[in-house]
Amino acid sequence: MIRIKAGVPPWLRSSARALGLPTLWGAVAITYKLVCPPAHDAGFGARLVTGAVFFAVGTGLVVHVRYALLREVRQIRKVAAAAQNVLLRPLPPRVAGLALAGGQLSAERGASVGGDLYDVLATEHGVRIVMGDVRGHGLAALSTVAAVLGSFREAGHDEPELAGVLRRLDRALARHLGERARCERPGGDPGPDSPVAEEFVTLLLVEIRADGGIVALNCGHPWPYRLRSLSGPRGVRGRAFPVTEADPLPPLGPFPLPAEPALVPCGPLLPGEALFLHTDGVADARDARGRFFPLEIALIEAIRSDPLAPDAVIRAVFRQLLRHTRGLPTDDAAVLVLGNDRGRTRAGRGTYLPRPAHRVV
């Protein structure tokens, strides 16, 4: 049985509250003009009083409208922040004994998410990481980001092999792009000239196993950097270098996956080391003279602290990136840092614990 509550609908009550005060002020102004004798007096003093009354009413209306707009903006920002936290959920400070932090800079002013995506899962198969970049940037790429991340959060736990996760993501992306194409041209063939036909996603899947070994599958994405702190082995201290030089697979979307994608071994993640994953919006950022952002130099500057703190590395890199571009970059930029600090203690200073993961906007 459906029950209908009697009474004034909420939207009508809200509209009545919003219009009540301006209506009252308007009524005061009209009453003054019609009833009060000074409003009909042609003298300078009477005109001055009348002008003051109407100025006060107009100022009150402007202040009220401004307050109402600010209240709506605050509400919209709360809703947007909640939606963004569901899409790119805040990362925990630690995952399976690894220190963790992630950060995002959106090219869409006022947004904290865009075409870049990342997530980290602690599964029975190891710690699994996804880092991706949807073609385009800003709010228009959010639906594709949601489709890829939603599939990864299920497949990352379900699939025993990393190649199976990649195949699931590829199928999810194909379904999503097909649905978008049908929405753009309902009842017809999307055709090769559809904008959806040119969509693609560069994607990096990384698995860190219980023994610290790293394997990866790369579909057109930049390889991560391995960071070694100042306390690393002599001769390799304070270094930043790619984990491998292997050729990546084509991006997801326009090209079919190989029948058996080959895992790329990337060596172990030793204590005191960290992985720095990033999208091409970081390395391809340019300054006013067209020079690319010197990422490797920025990383070496960022790892001077010992031990490595992932959130400190992200802050240092973003600070240098914003200085290089003199503001927000023209493309979305996302980074993810995982540090192996297992068993690292310092005499008299206790066990190193990272600060909470953060998102830079």
Protein backbone atom coordinates (compact mmCIF):
# COMPACT_ATOMS: atom_id res chain seq x y z
CA MET A 1 0.00 0.00 0.00
CA ILE A 2 1.39 3.41 -0.96
CA ARG A 3 0.90 6.23 1.49
CA ILE A 4 1.09 9.82 0.39
CA LYS A 5 2.02 12.34 3.04
CA ALA A 6 -0.05 15.47 3.07
CA GLY A 7 1.64 18.81 3.43
CA VAL A 8 3.86 21.20 1.55
CA PRO A 9 6.53 19.58 -0.64
CA PRO A 10 10.14 20.21 0.50
CA TRP A 11 11.07 22.05 -2.69
CA LEU A 12 8.11 24.39 -2.21
CA ARG A 13 9.07 25.09 1.41
CA SER A 14 12.62 25.86 0.29
CA SER A 15 11.38 28.20 -2.44
CA ALA A 16 9.05 29.95 0.02
CA ARG A 17 11.91 30.51 2.46
CA ALA A 18 14.11 31.85 -0.34
CA LEU A 19 11.44 34.28 -1.57
CA GLY A 20 10.03 35.29 1.82
CA LEU A 21 12.62 37.88 2.83
CA PRO A 22 12.89 39.61 -0.60
CA THR A 23 9.07 39.77 -0.74
CA LEU A 24 8.99 41.35 2.72
CA TRP A 25 11.59 43.93 1.74
CA GLY A 26 9.69 44.73 -1.46
CA ALA A 27 6.47 45.14 0.53
CA VAL A 28 8.23 47.55 2.91
CA ALA A 29 9.50 49.65 0.03
CA ILE A 30 6.08 49.81 -1.69
CA THR A 31 4.31 50.61 1.59
CA TYR A 32 6.74 53.42 2.29
CA LYS A 33 6.22 54.84 -1.20
CA LEU A 34 2.41 54.72 -0.98
CA VAL A 35 1.75 55.57 2.67
CA CYS A 36 4.59 57.61 4.17
CA PRO A 37 4.29 61.39 3.59
CA PRO A 38 8.07 61.93 3.08
CA ALA A 39 7.87 59.78 -0.03
CA HIS A 40 5.59 62.42 -1.66
CA ASP A 41 7.53 65.46 -0.46
CA ALA A 42 9.58 67.23 -3.11
CA GLY A 43 12.05 68.67 -0.60
CA PHE A 44 15.72 67.71 -0.54
CA GLY A 45 15.52 66.13 2.91
CA ALA A 46 12.51 64.00 2.02
CA ARG A 47 14.18 62.83 -1.21
CA LEU A 48 17.31 61.98 0.77
CA VAL A 49 15.29 59.86 3.22
CA THR A 50 13.46 58.12 0.36
CA GLY A 51 16.73 57.37 -1.41
CA ALA A 52 18.21 55.96 1.81
CA VAL A 53 15.19 53.68 2.30
CA PHE A 54 15.38 52.28 -1.22
CA PHE A 55 19.17 51.96 -1.02
CA ALA A 56 18.81 49.93 2.18
CA VAL A 57 16.16 47.70 0.58
CA GLY A 58 18.33 47.16 -2.53
CA THR A 59 21.41 46.41 -0.43
CA GLY A 60 19.43 43.92 1.62
CA LEU A 61 18.23 42.17 -1.53
CA VAL A 62 21.78 41.94 -2.93
CA VAL A 63 23.13 40.56 0.36
CA HIS A 64 20.31 38.03 0.55
CA VAL A 65 20.87 36.83 -3.03
CA ARG A 66 24.62 36.57 -2.43
CA TYR A 67 24.06 34.53 0.74
CA ALA A 68 21.64 32.21 -1.08
CA LEU A 69 24.12 31.68 -3.94
CA LEU A 70 26.98 30.94 -1.52
CA ARG A 71 24.79 28.44 0.30
CA GLU A 72 23.97 26.68 -2.98
CA VAL A 73 27.65 26.63 -3.99
CA ARG A 74 28.63 25.07 -0.65
CA GLN A 75 25.96 22.40 -1.06
CA ILE A 76 27.08 21.63 -4.63
CA ARG A 77 30.70 21.33 -3.45
CA LYS A 78 29.66 18.88 -0.73
CA VAL A 79 27.84 16.72 -3.26
CA ALA A 80 30.77 16.91 -5.70
CA ALA A 81 33.27 15.99 -2.97
CA ALA A 82 31.18 12.98 -1.98
CA ALA A 83 30.95 11.80 -5.60
CA GLN A 84 34.68 12.31 -6.15
CA ASN A 85 35.53 10.33 -3.02
CA VAL A 86 33.45 7.43 -4.31
CA LEU A 87 35.19 7.54 -7.69
CA LEU A 88 38.77 8.09 -6.47
CA ARG A 89 38.34 6.96 -2.90
CA PRO A 90 40.87 8.14 -0.30
CA LEU A 91 43.77 5.72 0.06
CA PRO A 92 44.74 4.20 3.40
CA PRO A 93 48.17 5.16 4.79
CA ARG A 94 49.31 1.52 4.64
CA VAL A 95 48.41 -1.52 2.55
CA ALA A 96 49.81 -4.97 3.43
CA GLY A 97 52.85 -3.45 5.11
CA LEU A 98 53.55 -0.88 2.38
CA ALA A 99 53.40 2.87 2.99
CA LEU A 100 51.08 4.52 0.49
CA ALA A 101 50.01 7.93 -0.81
CA GLY A 102 48.28 9.18 -3.95
CA GLY A 103 47.71 12.60 -5.48
CA GLN A 104 45.77 14.15 -8.33
CA LEU A 105 45.83 17.46 -10.17
CA SER A 106 42.87 18.02 -12.48
CA ALA A 107 43.13 20.20 -15.57
CA GLU A 108 39.45 21.11 -15.02
CA ARG A 109 39.53 24.11 -12.72
CA GLY A 110 37.43 23.47 -9.61
CA ALA A 111 37.49 19.68 -9.93
CA SER A 112 39.70 17.23 -8.04
CA VAL A 113 39.29 14.33 -10.45
CA GLY A 114 39.52 14.10 -14.20
CA GLY A 115 40.71 11.61 -16.80
CA ASP A 116 43.36 9.95 -14.63
CA LEU A 117 42.62 6.97 -12.41
CA TYR A 118 44.38 4.90 -9.78
CA ASP A 119 43.57 2.46 -7.01
CA VAL A 120 45.32 -0.06 -4.75
CA LEU A 121 43.89 -3.37 -3.55
CA ALA A 122 45.25 -5.78 -0.95
CA THR A 123 44.19 -9.19 -2.30
CA GLU A 124 45.05 -12.81 -1.59
CA HIS A 125 47.17 -12.71 -4.77
CA GLY A 126 49.24 -9.74 -3.58
CA VAL A 127 48.95 -5.96 -3.63
CA ARG A 128 47.47 -4.94 -6.98
CA ILE A 129 47.70 -1.43 -8.37
CA VAL A 130 46.04 0.19 -11.36
CA MET A 131 47.15 3.49 -12.88
CA GLY A 132 45.47 4.75 -16.02
CA ASP A 133 44.85 7.75 -18.24
CA VAL A 134 41.66 8.21 -20.26
CA ARG A 135 41.94 10.05 -23.56
CA GLY A 136 40.95 13.65 -22.95
CA HIS A 137 40.80 15.30 -19.57
CA GLY A 138 38.50 16.88 -17.03
CA LEU A 139 34.88 16.07 -16.29
CA ALA A 140 34.10 14.60 -19.72
CA ALA A 141 36.30 11.55 -18.97
CA LEU A 142 34.69 10.68 -15.62
CA SER A 143 32.28 8.04 -16.96
CA THR A 144 35.13 6.05 -18.50
CA VAL A 145 37.16 6.36 -15.30
CA ALA A 146 34.20 5.00 -13.32
CA ALA A 147 33.79 2.02 -15.68
CA VAL A 148 37.48 1.03 -15.51
CA LEU A 149 37.82 1.49 -11.75
CA GLY A 150 34.60 -0.40 -11.03
CA SER A 151 35.81 -3.36 -13.06
CA PHE A 152 39.26 -3.33 -11.42
CA ARG A 153 37.81 -3.33 -7.91
CA GLU A 154 36.02 -6.59 -8.69
CA ALA A 155 38.49 -8.31 -11.01
CA GLY A 156 41.47 -7.48 -8.79
CA HIS A 157 40.06 -9.75 -6.10
CA ASP A 158 38.46 -12.39 -8.34
CA GLU A 159 41.17 -13.11 -10.92
CA PRO A 160 44.14 -15.23 -9.76
CA GLU A 161 46.32 -14.00 -12.65
CA LEU A 162 47.09 -10.38 -13.52
CA ALA A 163 46.42 -11.13 -17.20
CA GLY A 164 42.86 -12.10 -16.25
CA VAL A 165 42.40 -8.71 -14.57
CA LEU A 166 43.56 -6.97 -17.74
CA ARG A 167 41.13 -8.95 -19.92
CA ARG A 168 38.27 -8.04 -17.58
CA LEU A 169 39.17 -4.35 -17.80
CA ASP A 170 39.35 -4.55 -21.59
CA ARG A 171 35.86 -6.10 -21.78
CA ALA A 172 34.44 -3.53 -19.33
CA LEU A 173 35.87 -0.68 -21.40
CA ALA A 174 34.45 -2.15 -24.63
CA ARG A 175 30.98 -2.44 -23.06
CA HIS A 176 31.14 1.11 -21.74
CA LEU A 177 32.23 2.58 -25.08
CA GLY A 178 29.52 0.59 -26.87
CA GLU A 179 26.85 1.97 -24.55
CA ARG A 180 28.14 5.51 -25.06
CA ALA A 181 28.07 5.05 -28.84
CA ARG A 182 24.48 3.78 -28.76
CA CYS A 183 23.45 6.77 -26.63
CA GLU A 184 25.04 9.19 -29.10
CA ARG A 185 23.32 7.58 -32.11
CA PRO A 186 20.24 5.74 -30.85
CA GLY A 187 18.86 3.22 -33.30
CA GLY A 188 21.81 3.50 -35.67
CA ASP A 189 25.30 2.17 -36.26
CA PRO A 190 27.84 4.39 -34.44
CA GLY A 191 30.30 3.97 -37.29
CA PRO A 192 34.05 4.64 -37.40
CA ASP A 193 33.55 8.42 -37.47
CA SER A 194 31.97 8.45 -33.99
CA PRO A 195 34.03 10.25 -31.32
CA VAL A 196 33.73 7.11 -29.16
CA ALA A 197 35.61 5.11 -31.81
CA GLU A 198 38.72 7.17 -31.02
CA GLU A 199 38.54 6.66 -27.26
CA PHE A 200 41.34 4.75 -25.56
CA VAL A 201 42.85 4.26 -22.12
CA THR A 202 46.53 3.84 -21.30
CA LEU A 203 46.75 1.43 -18.38
CA LEU A 204 49.36 0.03 -16.02
CA LEU A 205 48.69 -2.99 -13.79
CA VAL A 206 51.26 -3.79 -11.09
CA GLU A 207 51.31 -6.69 -8.66
CA ILE A 208 53.58 -6.69 -5.60
CA ARG A 209 53.75 -10.20 -4.23
CA ALA A 210 54.30 -11.31 -0.63
CA ASP A 211 58.05 -11.80 -1.22
CA GLY A 212 58.37 -8.25 -2.64
CA GLY A 213 58.60 -9.34 -6.26
CA ILE A 214 57.02 -6.99 -8.81
CA VAL A 215 55.31 -7.98 -12.06
CA ALA A 216 53.45 -5.65 -14.39
CA LEU A 217 51.30 -5.39 -17.50
CA ASN A 218 51.57 -2.13 -19.40
CA CYS A 219 49.17 -0.91 -22.10
CA GLY A 220 50.74 2.25 -23.47
CA HIS A 221 51.41 3.83 -20.07
CA PRO A 222 54.63 5.34 -18.64
CA TRP A 223 56.65 2.83 -16.61
CA PRO A 224 56.97 3.49 -12.88
CA TYR A 225 60.17 4.81 -11.32
CA ARG A 226 62.05 2.95 -8.62
CA LEU A 227 63.19 5.29 -5.86
CA ARG A 228 66.13 4.47 -3.60
CA SER A 229 66.69 6.54 -0.48
CA LEU A 230 69.94 7.91 0.86
CA SER A 231 70.36 4.83 3.05
CA GLY A 232 70.40 2.41 0.09
CA PRO A 233 73.43 0.39 -1.00
CA ARG A 234 76.60 2.39 -1.58
CA GLY A 235 76.76 3.71 -5.12
CA VAL A 236 72.99 3.62 -5.72
CA ARG A 237 71.81 5.96 -2.98
CA GLY A 238 69.34 8.70 -3.82
CA ARG A 239 68.55 7.37 -7.28
CA ALA A 240 65.40 7.37 -9.42
CA PHE A 241 65.16 5.18 -12.53
CA PRO A 242 62.45 3.30 -14.51
CA VAL A 243 61.74 -0.23 -13.30
CA THR A 244 62.18 -1.60 -16.85
CA GLU A 245 62.74 -0.54 -20.45
CA ALA A 246 60.39 -3.19 -21.93
CA ASP A 247 58.06 -2.16 -24.74
CA PRO A 248 54.44 -1.74 -23.57
CA LEU A 249 51.36 -3.22 -25.19
CA PRO A 250 49.02 -0.92 -27.19
CA PRO A 251 46.46 1.12 -25.20
CA LEU A 252 43.10 -0.42 -24.34
CA GLY A 253 40.25 0.38 -26.71
CA PRO A 254 41.27 0.55 -30.36
CA PHE A 255 43.48 -2.58 -30.44
CA PRO A 256 42.74 -6.17 -29.33
CA LEU A 257 44.75 -7.67 -26.50
CA PRO A 258 47.15 -10.56 -27.18
CA ALA A 259 45.71 -13.97 -26.38
CA GLU A 260 48.25 -14.39 -23.55
CA PRO A 261 49.65 -11.05 -22.35
CA ALA A 262 53.18 -11.66 -21.03
CA LEU A 263 53.95 -10.45 -17.52
CA VAL A 264 56.96 -8.13 -17.25
CA PRO A 265 59.15 -8.88 -14.20
CA CYS A 266 60.41 -5.71 -12.53
CA GLY A 267 62.58 -7.12 -9.75
CA PRO A 268 61.91 -6.99 -6.00
CA LEU A 269 60.88 -3.93 -4.03
CA LEU A 270 63.58 -3.88 -1.36
CA PRO A 271 63.25 -2.28 2.09
CA GLY A 272 63.93 1.42 1.80
CA GLU A 273 62.78 1.56 -1.83
CA ALA A 274 59.58 3.00 -3.28
CA LEU A 275 57.63 2.84 -6.54
CA PHE A 276 56.57 6.10 -8.17
CA LEU A 277 53.67 5.60 -10.60
CA HIS A 278 52.47 8.53 -12.70
CA THR A 279 50.43 9.52 -15.72
CA ASP A 280 51.85 11.30 -18.76
CA GLY A 281 50.37 14.58 -17.52
CA VAL A 282 53.36 14.72 -15.15
CA ALA A 283 56.23 13.96 -17.53
CA ASP A 284 54.67 15.85 -20.49
CA ALA A 285 53.91 19.07 -18.58
CA ARG A 286 55.60 22.06 -20.24
CA ASP A 287 56.66 25.48 -19.10
CA ALA A 288 56.09 28.77 -20.94
CA ARG A 289 59.07 28.04 -23.25
CA GLY A 290 57.78 24.57 -24.18
CA ARG A 291 60.29 22.60 -22.10
CA PHE A 292 59.14 19.31 -20.57
CA PHE A 293 59.01 18.83 -16.82
CA PRO A 294 62.31 17.22 -15.67
CA LEU A 295 60.66 14.41 -13.71
CA GLU A 296 63.79 12.40 -12.92
CA ILE A 297 65.56 15.46 -11.52
CA ALA A 298 62.45 16.36 -9.50
CA LEU A 299 62.35 12.84 -8.06
CA ILE A 300 65.98 12.95 -7.02
CA GLU A 301 65.29 16.24 -5.25
CA ALA A 302 62.19 14.73 -3.60
CA ILE A 303 63.92 11.65 -2.13
CA ARG A 304 66.52 13.48 -0.07
CA SER A 305 64.52 12.66 3.07
CA ASP A 306 65.38 9.40 4.80
CA PRO A 307 63.45 7.19 5.13
CA LEU A 308 61.25 7.75 2.10
CA ALA A 309 57.82 9.15 3.00
CA PRO A 310 55.36 8.71 0.10
CA ASP A 311 53.28 11.78 0.92
CA ALA A 312 56.42 13.94 1.20
CA VAL A 313 57.57 12.74 -2.24
CA ILE A 314 54.20 13.64 -3.77
CA ARG A 315 54.17 17.10 -2.19
CA ALA A 316 57.69 17.81 -3.41
CA VAL A 317 56.97 16.65 -6.99
CA PHE A 318 53.69 18.57 -7.24
CA ARG A 319 55.32 21.67 -5.82
CA GLN A 320 57.98 21.55 -8.53
CA LEU A 321 55.39 20.69 -11.21
CA LEU A 322 53.22 23.71 -10.35
CA ARG A 323 56.29 25.92 -10.30
CA HIS A 324 57.30 24.58 -13.72
CA THR A 325 53.86 25.18 -15.29
CA ARG A 326 53.15 28.38 -13.30
CA GLY A 327 49.79 27.10 -12.12
CA LEU A 328 47.63 24.13 -12.99
CA PRO A 329 48.91 21.91 -15.82
CA THR A 330 47.03 21.72 -19.10
CA ASP A 331 46.47 17.96 -18.67
CA ASP A 332 45.35 15.86 -15.72
CA ALA A 333 48.23 14.60 -13.58
CA ALA A 334 48.11 11.75 -11.08
CA VAL A 335 50.83 10.06 -9.04
CA LEU A 336 50.97 7.11 -6.67
CA VAL A 337 53.85 6.20 -4.35
CA LEU A 338 54.27 2.88 -2.52
CA GLY A 339 57.20 2.53 -0.16
CA ASN A 340 58.61 -0.67 1.33
CA ASP A 341 59.51 0.22 4.92
CA ARG A 342 59.07 -3.26 6.35
CA GLY A 343 61.40 -3.81 9.27
CA ARG A 344 62.89 -0.30 9.08
CA THR A 345 63.64 1.06 12.54
CA ARG A 346 65.98 3.76 13.68
CA ALA A 347 67.71 3.69 17.02
CA GLY A 348 66.24 6.22 19.39
CA ARG A 349 63.62 7.27 16.84
CA GLY A 350 61.21 4.33 16.81
CA THR A 351 59.49 2.80 13.82
CA TYR A 352 58.80 4.96 10.79
CA LEU A 353 55.10 5.50 10.18
CA PRO A 354 53.97 7.64 7.22
CA ARG A 355 51.50 10.46 7.53
CA PRO A 356 47.98 9.79 6.23
CA ALA A 357 47.51 9.50 2.50
CA HIS A 358 46.38 12.74 0.88
CA ARG A 359 44.97 14.09 -2.34
CA VAL A 360 46.46 17.23 -3.75
CA VAL A 361 44.09 19.49 -5.65
